[in-house]
Amino acid sequence: MKKDLRVIKTKKNLQTALLTLLKEKPLEKVSISELCREANVNRGTFYLHFQDVPELFEMYFKEITIDLKKAYYEPLHLTNNHLSHLEPHMVRIFHHVKTFDTFYSIVFNRKAPLMYYYNLFDIIRDYLKHSIEENTPAISSLHPDYTASYQANAILGMIIEWVSRGFQETPEFLSEQLLLMNNKIR
């Protein structure tokens, strides 16, 4: 089934407008009227696709997390789940963040609700836990829940620092740093 390009463009305009407004105010303060004005879309069109502003945000968040999942799992596929063979150029998570830098700048702003952090934390933690359970020998004394939480917080901490520094460093630099830290901890 072919996707209607007008629908795709309308949704993209709404997403872009939402990000613009979220730079200035929290999600619960964004009205449909101002969102439609910013996106140059009429209210009827908005309601054709969404019930409210949080539903639009949820859809956009879901798109980002789908891309995040691809970015997370790509290195696992490249190394055939042998993380010891991981090279910095294989790490894709920081490329993902750079692609969606406006979103991450909003989500990791000190004024943003912690809900955003915890939503991303849960997603990354689940990916990590799944990988740990598949790749860690049963005799390991590491508890998968704590290990996944530790690693998820480490990755999010790096992303938060990167955002606070205005994305000065390249995704490649952060990938190298992540692998260096991982090797120091082992």
C-alpha atoms as a PDB file:
ATOM      1  CA  MET A   1       0.000   0.000   0.000  1.00  0.00           C
ATOM      2  CA  LYS A   2       1.451   3.339  -1.085  1.00  0.00           C
ATOM      3  CA  LYS A   3       1.717   6.090   1.530  1.00  0.00           C
ATOM      4  CA  ASP A   4       0.088   9.424   0.772  1.00  0.00           C
ATOM      5  CA  LEU A   5       2.887  11.993   0.543  1.00  0.00           C
ATOM      6  CA  ARG A   6       0.534  14.756   1.721  1.00  0.00           C
ATOM      7  CA  VAL A   7      -0.134  12.856   4.945  1.00  0.00           C
ATOM      8  CA  ILE A   8       3.588  12.246   5.448  1.00  0.00           C
ATOM      9  CA  LYS A   9       4.346  15.937   4.861  1.00  0.00           C
ATOM     10  CA  THR A  10       1.550  17.066   7.197  1.00  0.00           C
ATOM     11  CA  LYS A  11       2.763  14.798  10.005  1.00  0.00           C
ATOM     12  CA  LYS A  12       6.351  15.955   9.476  1.00  0.00           C
ATOM     13  CA  ASN A  13       5.246  19.614   9.618  1.00  0.00           C
ATOM     14  CA  LEU A  14       3.363  18.926  12.851  1.00  0.00           C
ATOM     15  CA  GLN A  15       6.376  17.167  14.363  1.00  0.00           C
ATOM     16  CA  THR A  16       8.692  20.020  13.414  1.00  0.00           C
ATOM     17  CA  ALA A  17       6.246  22.581  14.806  1.00  0.00           C
ATOM     18  CA  LEU A  18       5.934  20.596  18.028  1.00  0.00           C
ATOM     19  CA  LEU A  19       9.708  20.533  18.474  1.00  0.00           C
ATOM     20  CA  THR A  20       9.855  24.282  17.873  1.00  0.00           C
ATOM     21  CA  LEU A  21       7.207  24.891  20.543  1.00  0.00           C
ATOM     22  CA  LEU A  22       8.751  22.421  22.994  1.00  0.00           C
ATOM     23  CA  LYS A  23      11.937  24.496  22.977  1.00  0.00           C
ATOM     24  CA  GLU A  24       9.925  27.225  24.685  1.00  0.00           C
ATOM     25  CA  LYS A  25       7.341  25.413  26.823  1.00  0.00           C
ATOM     26  CA  PRO A  26       6.432  21.997  28.236  1.00  0.00           C
ATOM     27  CA  LEU A  27       4.235  19.592  26.302  1.00  0.00           C
ATOM     28  CA  GLU A  28       1.173  20.177  28.475  1.00  0.00           C
ATOM     29  CA  LYS A  29       1.288  23.916  27.670  1.00  0.00           C
ATOM     30  CA  VAL A  30       1.280  23.444  23.869  1.00  0.00           C
ATOM     31  CA  SER A  31      -2.166  24.124  22.435  1.00  0.00           C
ATOM     32  CA  ILE A  32      -3.542  22.619  19.256  1.00  0.00           C
ATOM     33  CA  SER A  33      -4.217  26.112  17.897  1.00  0.00           C
ATOM     34  CA  GLU A  34      -0.626  27.312  18.247  1.00  0.00           C
ATOM     35  CA  LEU A  35       0.697  23.982  16.980  1.00  0.00           C
ATOM     36  CA  CYS A  36      -1.477  24.225  13.855  1.00  0.00           C
ATOM     37  CA  ARG A  37      -0.412  27.848  13.301  1.00  0.00           C
ATOM     38  CA  GLU A  38       3.259  26.906  13.597  1.00  0.00           C
ATOM     39  CA  ALA A  39       2.817  23.924  11.243  1.00  0.00           C
ATOM     40  CA  ASN A  40       0.607  25.840   8.824  1.00  0.00           C
ATOM     41  CA  VAL A  41      -2.050  23.128   9.160  1.00  0.00           C
ATOM     42  CA  ASN A  42      -5.723  23.639   9.952  1.00  0.00           C
ATOM     43  CA  ARG A  43      -7.279  22.148  13.079  1.00  0.00           C
ATOM     44  CA  GLY A  44      -9.486  19.797  11.063  1.00  0.00           C
ATOM     45  CA  THR A  45      -6.405  18.268   9.474  1.00  0.00           C
ATOM     46  CA  PHE A  46      -4.786  17.894  12.885  1.00  0.00           C
ATOM     47  CA  TYR A  47      -7.844  16.072  14.254  1.00  0.00           C
ATOM     48  CA  LEU A  48      -7.893  13.837  11.197  1.00  0.00           C
ATOM     49  CA  HIS A  49      -4.616  12.333  12.434  1.00  0.00           C
ATOM     50  CA  PHE A  50      -4.458  12.971  16.199  1.00  0.00           C
ATOM     51  CA  GLN A  51      -6.774  13.405  19.174  1.00  0.00           C
ATOM     52  CA  ASP A  52      -4.459  15.754  21.054  1.00  0.00           C
ATOM     53  CA  VAL A  53      -0.902  17.092  21.273  1.00  0.00           C
ATOM     54  CA  PRO A  54       0.374  14.290  23.563  1.00  0.00           C
ATOM     55  CA  GLU A  55      -0.709  11.734  20.949  1.00  0.00           C
ATOM     56  CA  LEU A  56       1.413  13.545  18.328  1.00  0.00           C
ATOM     57  CA  PHE A  57       4.362  13.554  20.727  1.00  0.00           C
ATOM     58  CA  GLU A  58       3.824   9.867  21.472  1.00  0.00           C
ATOM     59  CA  MET A  59       3.851   9.017  17.758  1.00  0.00           C
ATOM     60  CA  TYR A  60       7.063  10.996  17.235  1.00  0.00           C
ATOM     61  CA  PHE A  61       8.645   9.430  20.329  1.00  0.00           C
ATOM     62  CA  LYS A  62       7.750   5.994  18.971  1.00  0.00           C
ATOM     63  CA  GLU A  63       9.398   6.771  15.606  1.00  0.00           C
ATOM     64  CA  ILE A  64      12.541   7.872  17.398  1.00  0.00           C
ATOM     65  CA  THR A  65      12.642   4.768  19.577  1.00  0.00           C
ATOM     66  CA  ILE A  66      12.257   2.533  16.514  1.00  0.00           C
ATOM     67  CA  ASP A  67      15.302   4.242  15.013  1.00  0.00           C
ATOM     68  CA  LEU A  68      17.078   3.977  18.380  1.00  0.00           C
ATOM     69  CA  LYS A  69      16.434   0.234  18.398  1.00  0.00           C
ATOM     70  CA  LYS A  70      17.960  -0.115  14.917  1.00  0.00           C
ATOM     71  CA  ALA A  71      20.965   1.930  16.025  1.00  0.00           C
ATOM     72  CA  TYR A  72      21.410  -0.220  19.121  1.00  0.00           C
ATOM     73  CA  TYR A  73      21.116  -3.595  17.405  1.00  0.00           C
ATOM     74  CA  GLU A  74      23.147  -2.846  14.266  1.00  0.00           C
ATOM     75  CA  PRO A  75      26.536  -3.397  16.005  1.00  0.00           C
ATOM     76  CA  LEU A  76      25.277  -6.661  17.478  1.00  0.00           C
ATOM     77  CA  HIS A  77      24.448  -7.904  14.000  1.00  0.00           C
ATOM     78  CA  LEU A  78      27.777  -6.676  12.611  1.00  0.00           C
ATOM     79  CA  THR A  79      29.717  -8.569  15.286  1.00  0.00           C
ATOM     80  CA  ASN A  80      27.401 -11.582  15.345  1.00  0.00           C
ATOM     81  CA  ASN A  81      26.749 -10.817  19.039  1.00  0.00           C
ATOM     82  CA  HIS A  82      30.478 -10.884  19.879  1.00  0.00           C
ATOM     83  CA  LEU A  83      30.753  -7.493  21.535  1.00  0.00           C
ATOM     84  CA  SER A  84      34.468  -8.017  22.104  1.00  0.00           C
ATOM     85  CA  HIS A  85      34.836  -7.493  18.322  1.00  0.00           C
ATOM     86  CA  LEU A  86      33.062  -4.157  18.445  1.00  0.00           C
ATOM     87  CA  GLU A  87      34.906  -1.261  16.783  1.00  0.00           C
ATOM     88  CA  PRO A  88      34.044   2.431  17.314  1.00  0.00           C
ATOM     89  CA  HIS A  89      32.746   2.854  13.740  1.00  0.00           C
ATOM     90  CA  MET A  90      30.180   0.105  14.405  1.00  0.00           C
ATOM     91  CA  VAL A  91      28.536   1.957  17.317  1.00  0.00           C
ATOM     92  CA  ARG A  92      25.485   3.715  15.869  1.00  0.00           C
ATOM     93  CA  ILE A  93      23.654   5.062  18.919  1.00  0.00           C
ATOM     94  CA  PHE A  94      25.438   8.433  18.879  1.00  0.00           C
ATOM     95  CA  HIS A  95      24.735   8.825  15.164  1.00  0.00           C
ATOM     96  CA  HIS A  96      21.080   8.276  16.009  1.00  0.00           C
ATOM     97  CA  VAL A  97      21.214  10.980  18.696  1.00  0.00           C
ATOM     98  CA  LYS A  98      22.895  13.415  16.296  1.00  0.00           C
ATOM     99  CA  THR A  99      20.192  12.752  13.688  1.00  0.00           C
ATOM    100  CA  PHE A 100      17.534  13.663  16.266  1.00  0.00           C
ATOM    101  CA  ASP A 101      19.603  16.298  18.088  1.00  0.00           C
ATOM    102  CA  THR A 102      16.713  18.761  18.406  1.00  0.00           C
ATOM    103  CA  PHE A 103      14.573  16.130  20.112  1.00  0.00           C
ATOM    104  CA  TYR A 104      17.365  15.092  22.484  1.00  0.00           C
ATOM    105  CA  SER A 105      18.165  18.732  23.285  1.00  0.00           C
ATOM    106  CA  ILE A 106      14.558  19.179  24.377  1.00  0.00           C
ATOM    107  CA  VAL A 107      14.284  15.882  26.249  1.00  0.00           C
ATOM    108  CA  PHE A 108      17.535  16.404  28.169  1.00  0.00           C
ATOM    109  CA  ASN A 109      16.962  20.051  28.960  1.00  0.00           C
ATOM    110  CA  ARG A 110      17.083  20.592  32.738  1.00  0.00           C
ATOM    111  CA  LYS A 111      13.540  21.999  32.602  1.00  0.00           C
ATOM    112  CA  ALA A 112      12.106  18.944  30.813  1.00  0.00           C
ATOM    113  CA  PRO A 113      10.002  16.473  32.784  1.00  0.00           C
ATOM    114  CA  LEU A 114      11.930  13.457  34.108  1.00  0.00           C
ATOM    115  CA  MET A 115       9.337  11.296  32.369  1.00  0.00           C
ATOM    116  CA  TYR A 116      11.308  11.706  29.099  1.00  0.00           C
ATOM    117  CA  TYR A 117      14.499  10.489  30.740  1.00  0.00           C
ATOM    118  CA  TYR A 118      12.797   7.493  32.294  1.00  0.00           C
ATOM    119  CA  ASN A 119      11.047   6.553  29.045  1.00  0.00           C
ATOM    120  CA  LEU A 120      14.386   6.488  27.221  1.00  0.00           C
ATOM    121  CA  PHE A 121      16.070   4.787  30.165  1.00  0.00           C
ATOM    122  CA  ASP A 122      13.492   1.972  30.125  1.00  0.00           C
ATOM    123  CA  ILE A 123      13.919   1.449  26.393  1.00  0.00           C
ATOM    124  CA  ILE A 124      17.737   1.361  26.460  1.00  0.00           C
ATOM    125  CA  ARG A 125      17.743  -0.748  29.629  1.00  0.00           C
ATOM    126  CA  ASP A 126      15.465  -3.333  27.999  1.00  0.00           C
ATOM    127  CA  TYR A 127      17.733  -3.544  24.933  1.00  0.00           C
ATOM    128  CA  LEU A 128      20.776  -3.959  27.149  1.00  0.00           C
ATOM    129  CA  LYS A 129      19.133  -6.522  29.416  1.00  0.00           C
ATOM    130  CA  HIS A 130      18.134  -8.609  26.409  1.00  0.00           C
ATOM    131  CA  SER A 131      21.706  -8.483  25.089  1.00  0.00           C
ATOM    132  CA  ILE A 132      23.172  -9.320  28.489  1.00  0.00           C
ATOM    133  CA  GLU A 133      20.885 -12.314  28.962  1.00  0.00           C
ATOM    134  CA  GLU A 134      21.798 -13.619  25.512  1.00  0.00           C
ATOM    135  CA  ASN A 135      25.542 -12.988  25.731  1.00  0.00           C
ATOM    136  CA  THR A 136      26.517 -13.486  29.388  1.00  0.00           C
ATOM    137  CA  PRO A 137      27.315 -16.986  30.597  1.00  0.00           C
ATOM    138  CA  ALA A 138      24.869 -18.351  33.162  1.00  0.00           C
ATOM    139  CA  ILE A 139      27.734 -18.707  35.662  1.00  0.00           C
ATOM    140  CA  SER A 140      28.324 -14.945  35.703  1.00  0.00           C
ATOM    141  CA  SER A 141      27.728 -13.322  39.073  1.00  0.00           C
ATOM    142  CA  LEU A 142      26.474 -10.129  37.402  1.00  0.00           C
ATOM    143  CA  HIS A 143      22.767  -9.571  37.852  1.00  0.00           C
ATOM    144  CA  PRO A 144      21.260  -8.634  34.429  1.00  0.00           C
ATOM    145  CA  ASP A 145      18.846  -6.028  35.847  1.00  0.00           C
ATOM    146  CA  TYR A 146      21.537  -4.093  37.688  1.00  0.00           C
ATOM    147  CA  THR A 147      24.064  -4.456  34.903  1.00  0.00           C
ATOM    148  CA  ALA A 148      21.570  -3.204  32.303  1.00  0.00           C
ATOM    149  CA  SER A 149      20.543  -0.283  34.531  1.00  0.00           C
ATOM    150  CA  TYR A 150      24.170   0.672  35.128  1.00  0.00           C
ATOM    151  CA  GLN A 151      24.990   0.581  31.422  1.00  0.00           C
ATOM    152  CA  ALA A 152      21.803   2.429  30.390  1.00  0.00           C
ATOM    153  CA  ASN A 153      22.585   5.227  32.835  1.00  0.00           C
ATOM    154  CA  ALA A 154      26.154   5.391  31.536  1.00  0.00           C
ATOM    155  CA  ILE A 155      24.979   5.779  27.933  1.00  0.00           C
ATOM    156  CA  LEU A 156      22.314   8.331  28.870  1.00  0.00           C
ATOM    157  CA  GLY A 157      24.877  10.187  30.975  1.00  0.00           C
ATOM    158  CA  MET A 158      27.152  10.465  27.955  1.00  0.00           C
ATOM    159  CA  ILE A 159      24.258  11.691  25.817  1.00  0.00           C
ATOM    160  CA  ILE A 160      23.256  14.273  28.435  1.00  0.00           C
ATOM    161  CA  GLU A 161      26.836  15.545  28.655  1.00  0.00           C
ATOM    162  CA  TRP A 162      27.031  15.706  24.859  1.00  0.00           C
ATOM    163  CA  VAL A 163      23.766  17.659  24.683  1.00  0.00           C
ATOM    164  CA  SER A 164      24.961  20.070  27.395  1.00  0.00           C
ATOM    165  CA  ARG A 165      28.144  20.664  25.380  1.00  0.00           C
ATOM    166  CA  GLY A 166      26.091  21.547  22.305  1.00  0.00           C
ATOM    167  CA  PHE A 167      27.079  18.418  20.372  1.00  0.00           C
ATOM    168  CA  GLN A 168      30.640  19.758  20.020  1.00  0.00           C
ATOM    169  CA  GLU A 169      32.170  16.327  19.606  1.00  0.00           C
ATOM    170  CA  THR A 170      31.462  13.919  16.762  1.00  0.00           C
ATOM    171  CA  PRO A 171      29.437  10.729  17.136  1.00  0.00           C
ATOM    172  CA  GLU A 172      32.655   8.857  16.335  1.00  0.00           C
ATOM    173  CA  PHE A 173      34.434  10.483  19.288  1.00  0.00           C
ATOM    174  CA  LEU A 174      31.654   9.423  21.657  1.00  0.00           C
ATOM    175  CA  SER A 175      31.687   5.881  20.266  1.00  0.00           C
ATOM    176  CA  GLU A 176      35.430   5.684  20.914  1.00  0.00           C
ATOM    177  CA  GLN A 177      34.959   7.027  24.444  1.00  0.00           C
ATOM    178  CA  LEU A 178      32.213   4.496  25.165  1.00  0.00           C
ATOM    179  CA  LEU A 179      34.369   1.585  24.058  1.00  0.00           C
ATOM    180  CA  LEU A 180      37.411   2.908  25.959  1.00  0.00           C
ATOM    181  CA  MET A 181      35.347   3.198  29.141  1.00  0.00           C
ATOM    182  CA  ASN A 182      33.868  -0.250  28.605  1.00  0.00           C
ATOM    183  CA  ASN A 183      37.340  -1.774  28.242  1.00  0.00           C
ATOM    184  CA  LYS A 184      38.593  -0.001  31.389  1.00  0.00           C
ATOM    185  CA  ILE A 185      35.695  -1.343  33.444  1.00  0.00           C
ATOM    186  CA  ARG A 186      36.017  -4.980  32.325  1.00  0.00           C
END
